[in-house]
């Protein structure tokens, strides 16, 4: 399966799962949100069901030197390596409820 089509299918399946989850179950409390780690973890899980030879991790650390040569470290929420493709995942919190 072509990677573009795979990611399309993964999003469709991933959204179906969340639609079912959010219909009857509320995993949040006062803040009315689903933490991005859950989103990334569920997306990676759905992806790996379709592409079993891929590897993935959460909170992938990326070391680098800044312009002054100081060692720094950033991270991405998730990373998938699939054949000759690397997918970086950065997620934002999904919030529900009224905004003040």
N, C-alpha and C. Protein backbone atom coordinates (compact mmCIF):
# COMPACT_ATOMS: atom_id res chain seq x y z
N UNK A 1 0.84 -1.19 0.00
CA UNK A 1 0.00 0.00 0.00
C UNK A 1 0.88 1.24 0.00
N UNK A 2 0.58 2.18 -0.88
CA UNK A 2 1.32 3.43 -0.96
C UNK A 2 1.17 4.19 0.36
N UNK A 3 2.26 4.79 0.83
CA UNK A 3 2.28 5.46 2.12
C UNK A 3 1.19 6.52 2.25
N UNK A 4 0.98 7.33 1.21
CA UNK A 4 -0.05 8.38 1.24
C UNK A 4 -1.42 7.76 1.51
N UNK A 5 -1.75 6.68 0.82
CA UNK A 5 -3.03 6.00 1.02
C UNK A 5 -3.11 5.39 2.41
N UNK A 6 -1.99 4.86 2.88
CA UNK A 6 -1.96 4.25 4.21
C UNK A 6 -2.29 5.28 5.28
N UNK A 7 -1.64 6.43 5.22
CA UNK A 7 -1.89 7.48 6.22
C UNK A 7 -3.34 7.95 6.14
N UNK A 8 -3.88 8.05 4.95
CA UNK A 8 -5.29 8.40 4.79
C UNK A 8 -6.18 7.37 5.50
N UNK A 9 -5.92 6.10 5.27
CA UNK A 9 -6.70 5.03 5.91
C UNK A 9 -6.52 5.04 7.43
N UNK A 10 -5.29 5.29 7.87
CA UNK A 10 -5.03 5.34 9.32
C UNK A 10 -5.85 6.45 9.95
N UNK A 11 -5.88 7.64 9.34
CA UNK A 11 -6.67 8.74 9.89
C UNK A 11 -8.15 8.38 9.94
N UNK A 12 -8.66 7.76 8.91
CA UNK A 12 -10.07 7.37 8.90
C UNK A 12 -10.37 6.41 10.05
N UNK A 13 -9.54 5.37 10.20
CA UNK A 13 -9.75 4.40 11.28
C UNK A 13 -9.57 5.04 12.65
N UNK A 14 -8.56 5.87 12.77
CA UNK A 14 -8.26 6.57 14.01
C UNK A 14 -9.45 7.46 14.42
N UNK A 15 -10.01 8.19 13.47
CA UNK A 15 -11.16 9.06 13.76
C UNK A 15 -12.40 8.25 14.13
N UNK A 16 -12.60 7.11 13.47
CA UNK A 16 -13.73 6.23 13.83
C UNK A 16 -13.60 5.78 15.28
N UNK A 17 -12.39 5.39 15.68
CA UNK A 17 -12.16 4.96 17.06
C UNK A 17 -12.48 6.08 18.04
N UNK A 18 -12.01 7.29 17.74
CA UNK A 18 -12.27 8.42 18.64
C UNK A 18 -13.75 8.79 18.64
N UNK A 19 -14.40 8.68 17.51
CA UNK A 19 -15.83 9.00 17.47
C UNK A 19 -16.60 8.07 18.41
N UNK A 20 -16.26 6.80 18.39
CA UNK A 20 -16.90 5.84 19.30
C UNK A 20 -16.55 6.16 20.74
N UNK A 21 -15.30 6.43 21.00
CA UNK A 21 -14.83 6.72 22.35
C UNK A 21 -15.52 7.96 22.91
N UNK A 22 -15.58 9.00 22.12
CA UNK A 22 -16.10 10.27 22.61
C UNK A 22 -17.62 10.30 22.69
N UNK A 23 -18.28 9.36 22.03
CA UNK A 23 -19.74 9.32 22.06
C UNK A 23 -20.25 8.91 23.44
N UNK A 24 -19.66 7.88 24.02
CA UNK A 24 -20.18 7.34 25.28
C UNK A 24 -19.25 7.49 26.48
N UNK A 25 -18.01 7.90 26.27
CA UNK A 25 -17.03 7.91 27.34
C UNK A 25 -16.33 9.25 27.39
N UNK A 26 -16.21 9.79 28.57
CA UNK A 26 -15.56 11.10 28.74
C UNK A 26 -14.28 10.91 29.57
N UNK A 27 -13.11 10.79 28.92
CA UNK A 27 -11.88 10.53 29.66
C UNK A 27 -11.26 11.75 30.31
N UNK A 28 -11.92 12.89 30.25
CA UNK A 28 -11.37 14.10 30.83
C UNK A 28 -12.18 14.52 32.04
N UNK A 29 -11.62 15.39 32.82
CA UNK A 29 -12.31 15.91 34.00
C UNK A 29 -12.60 17.39 33.76
N UNK A 30 -12.16 18.23 34.64
CA UNK A 30 -12.46 19.65 34.56
C UNK A 30 -11.84 20.33 33.34
N UNK A 31 -10.70 19.88 32.89
CA UNK A 31 -10.04 20.59 31.79
C UNK A 31 -10.63 20.26 30.42
N UNK A 32 -11.48 19.27 30.32
CA UNK A 32 -12.16 18.92 29.07
C UNK A 32 -11.20 18.71 27.91
N UNK A 33 -10.21 17.87 28.09
CA UNK A 33 -9.28 17.63 26.99
C UNK A 33 -8.76 16.20 26.99
N UNK A 34 -8.27 15.79 25.85
CA UNK A 34 -7.60 14.50 25.71
C UNK A 34 -6.14 14.83 25.44
N UNK A 35 -5.28 14.41 26.31
CA UNK A 35 -3.86 14.77 26.21
C UNK A 35 -3.28 14.27 24.89
N UNK A 36 -2.36 15.06 24.34
CA UNK A 36 -1.79 14.71 23.04
C UNK A 36 -1.04 13.38 23.04
N UNK A 37 -0.51 12.97 24.18
CA UNK A 37 0.18 11.67 24.23
C UNK A 37 -0.79 10.54 23.88
N UNK A 38 -2.03 10.65 24.32
CA UNK A 38 -3.04 9.64 23.97
C UNK A 38 -3.33 9.66 22.48
N UNK A 39 -3.41 10.86 21.91
CA UNK A 39 -3.67 10.97 20.47
C UNK A 39 -2.54 10.31 19.67
N UNK A 40 -1.30 10.63 20.03
CA UNK A 40 -0.15 10.10 19.30
C UNK A 40 -0.06 8.59 19.47
N UNK A 41 -0.24 8.12 20.69
CA UNK A 41 -0.17 6.69 20.96
C UNK A 41 -1.22 5.92 20.16
N UNK A 42 -2.44 6.43 20.13
CA UNK A 42 -3.50 5.77 19.38
C UNK A 42 -3.26 5.83 17.88
N UNK A 43 -2.74 6.95 17.38
CA UNK A 43 -2.43 7.05 15.96
C UNK A 43 -1.35 6.04 15.58
N UNK A 44 -0.29 5.98 16.38
CA UNK A 44 0.80 5.03 16.10
C UNK A 44 0.29 3.60 16.13
N UNK A 45 -0.54 3.29 17.10
CA UNK A 45 -1.10 1.94 17.20
C UNK A 45 -1.91 1.59 15.96
N UNK A 46 -2.75 2.52 15.51
CA UNK A 46 -3.55 2.30 14.30
C UNK A 46 -2.64 2.14 13.08
N UNK A 47 -1.62 2.96 12.98
CA UNK A 47 -0.68 2.90 11.86
C UNK A 47 0.03 1.54 11.82
N UNK A 48 0.49 1.09 12.96
CA UNK A 48 1.27 -0.16 13.01
C UNK A 48 0.41 -1.38 12.72
N UNK A 49 -0.89 -1.29 12.90
CA UNK A 49 -1.78 -2.40 12.50
C UNK A 49 -1.77 -2.58 10.99
N UNK A 50 -1.62 -1.47 10.27
CA UNK A 50 -1.61 -1.52 8.81
C UNK A 50 -0.21 -1.76 8.24
N UNK A 51 0.81 -1.28 8.94
CA UNK A 51 2.19 -1.38 8.47
C UNK A 51 3.03 -2.04 9.57
N UNK A 52 2.90 -3.35 9.67
CA UNK A 52 3.48 -4.11 10.78
C UNK A 52 5.01 -4.05 10.85
N UNK A 53 5.68 -3.79 9.74
CA UNK A 53 7.14 -3.73 9.75
C UNK A 53 7.68 -2.36 10.16
N UNK A 54 6.79 -1.41 10.38
CA UNK A 54 7.24 -0.08 10.81
C UNK A 54 7.64 -0.14 12.29
N UNK A 55 8.46 0.82 12.70
CA UNK A 55 8.79 0.96 14.10
C UNK A 55 8.40 2.36 14.53
N UNK A 56 8.14 2.54 15.81
CA UNK A 56 7.66 3.84 16.28
C UNK A 56 8.04 4.05 17.73
N UNK A 57 8.04 5.32 18.12
CA UNK A 57 8.27 5.64 19.52
C UNK A 57 7.56 6.96 19.85
N UNK A 58 7.35 7.16 21.13
CA UNK A 58 6.76 8.39 21.65
C UNK A 58 7.86 9.27 22.21
N UNK A 59 7.64 10.58 22.19
CA UNK A 59 8.59 11.55 22.75
C UNK A 59 10.01 11.28 22.28
N UNK A 60 10.20 11.34 20.97
CA UNK A 60 11.50 11.07 20.37
C UNK A 60 12.41 12.30 20.56
N UNK A 61 13.53 12.11 21.21
CA UNK A 61 14.45 13.18 21.53
C UNK A 61 15.39 13.47 20.35
N UNK A 62 15.62 14.77 20.09
CA UNK A 62 16.48 15.19 18.99
C UNK A 62 17.54 16.14 19.55
N UNK A 63 18.78 15.64 19.71
CA UNK A 63 19.84 16.53 20.19
C UNK A 63 20.40 17.38 19.05
N UNK A 64 20.86 18.59 19.37
CA UNK A 64 21.45 19.47 18.36
C UNK A 64 22.30 20.53 19.05
N UNK A 65 23.11 21.21 18.30
CA UNK A 65 23.86 22.36 18.79
C UNK A 65 23.22 23.62 18.23
N UNK A 66 22.99 24.60 19.11
CA UNK A 66 22.39 25.85 18.62
C UNK A 66 23.47 26.70 17.91
N UNK A 67 23.10 27.90 17.48
CA UNK A 67 24.00 28.75 16.72
C UNK A 67 25.28 29.11 17.49
N UNK A 68 25.17 29.13 18.82
CA UNK A 68 26.34 29.43 19.65
C UNK A 68 27.15 28.18 19.99
N UNK A 69 26.73 27.03 19.47
CA UNK A 69 27.44 25.78 19.74
C UNK A 69 27.04 25.10 21.04
N UNK A 70 26.01 25.60 21.70
CA UNK A 70 25.54 25.01 22.95
C UNK A 70 24.67 23.79 22.64
N UNK A 71 24.94 22.70 23.35
CA UNK A 71 24.15 21.48 23.13
C UNK A 71 22.74 21.68 23.66
N UNK A 72 21.77 21.36 22.84
CA UNK A 72 20.34 21.48 23.18
C UNK A 72 19.65 20.17 22.86
N UNK A 73 18.42 20.07 23.30
CA UNK A 73 17.62 18.87 23.03
C UNK A 73 16.16 19.28 22.88
N UNK A 74 15.55 18.85 21.79
CA UNK A 74 14.12 19.02 21.58
C UNK A 74 13.53 17.63 21.40
N UNK A 75 12.23 17.57 21.31
CA UNK A 75 11.61 16.28 21.05
C UNK A 75 10.37 16.47 20.20
N UNK A 76 10.00 15.41 19.50
CA UNK A 76 8.72 15.37 18.79
C UNK A 76 7.84 14.39 19.54
N UNK A 77 6.54 14.59 19.44
CA UNK A 77 5.61 13.75 20.19
C UNK A 77 5.68 12.29 19.77
N UNK A 78 5.92 12.05 18.51
CA UNK A 78 6.02 10.67 18.03
C UNK A 78 6.86 10.59 16.78
N UNK A 79 7.33 9.40 16.50
CA UNK A 79 8.15 9.16 15.32
C UNK A 79 7.83 7.77 14.79
N UNK A 80 7.64 7.68 13.48
CA UNK A 80 7.42 6.39 12.83
C UNK A 80 8.49 6.25 11.75
N UNK A 81 9.16 5.10 11.72
CA UNK A 81 10.09 4.78 10.64
C UNK A 81 9.46 3.64 9.87
N UNK A 82 9.23 3.88 8.58
CA UNK A 82 8.55 2.90 7.74
C UNK A 82 9.32 2.80 6.43
N UNK A 83 10.06 1.72 6.28
CA UNK A 83 10.90 1.51 5.10
C UNK A 83 11.87 2.68 4.99
N UNK A 84 11.80 3.46 3.91
CA UNK A 84 12.72 4.58 3.73
C UNK A 84 12.07 5.92 4.09
N UNK A 85 11.02 5.89 4.90
CA UNK A 85 10.28 7.09 5.26
C UNK A 85 10.30 7.30 6.77
N UNK A 86 10.51 8.53 7.19
CA UNK A 86 10.42 8.90 8.60
C UNK A 86 9.28 9.89 8.74
N UNK A 87 8.38 9.60 9.67
CA UNK A 87 7.23 10.47 9.92
C UNK A 87 7.38 11.06 11.32
N UNK A 88 7.46 12.39 11.39
CA UNK A 88 7.51 13.08 12.67
C UNK A 88 6.09 13.49 13.02
N UNK A 89 5.71 13.26 14.27
CA UNK A 89 4.34 13.57 14.71
C UNK A 89 4.40 14.61 15.82
N UNK A 90 3.69 15.69 15.63
CA UNK A 90 3.54 16.71 16.65
C UNK A 90 2.04 16.94 16.83
N UNK A 91 1.55 16.72 18.02
CA UNK A 91 0.11 16.80 18.27
C UNK A 91 -0.21 17.95 19.23
N UNK A 92 -1.41 18.41 19.13
CA UNK A 92 -1.92 19.42 20.05
C UNK A 92 -3.15 18.86 20.74
N UNK A 93 -3.35 19.33 21.94
CA UNK A 93 -4.45 18.84 22.77
C UNK A 93 -5.79 19.13 22.12
N UNK A 94 -6.68 18.12 22.16
CA UNK A 94 -8.04 18.26 21.65
C UNK A 94 -8.91 18.67 22.84
N UNK A 95 -9.51 19.82 22.78
CA UNK A 95 -10.32 20.32 23.90
C UNK A 95 -11.77 20.43 23.51
N UNK A 96 -12.60 20.21 24.49
CA UNK A 96 -14.04 20.35 24.30
C UNK A 96 -14.56 21.33 25.35
N UNK A 97 -15.73 21.82 25.10
CA UNK A 97 -16.35 22.68 26.09
C UNK A 97 -16.35 24.12 25.67
N UNK A 98 -16.92 24.95 26.52
CA UNK A 98 -17.03 26.37 26.22
C UNK A 98 -15.72 27.08 26.52
N UNK A 99 -15.38 28.01 25.67
CA UNK A 99 -14.21 28.85 25.89
C UNK A 99 -14.68 30.14 26.54
N UNK A 100 -13.96 30.58 27.55
CA UNK A 100 -14.32 31.85 28.23
C UNK A 100 -13.66 33.02 27.54
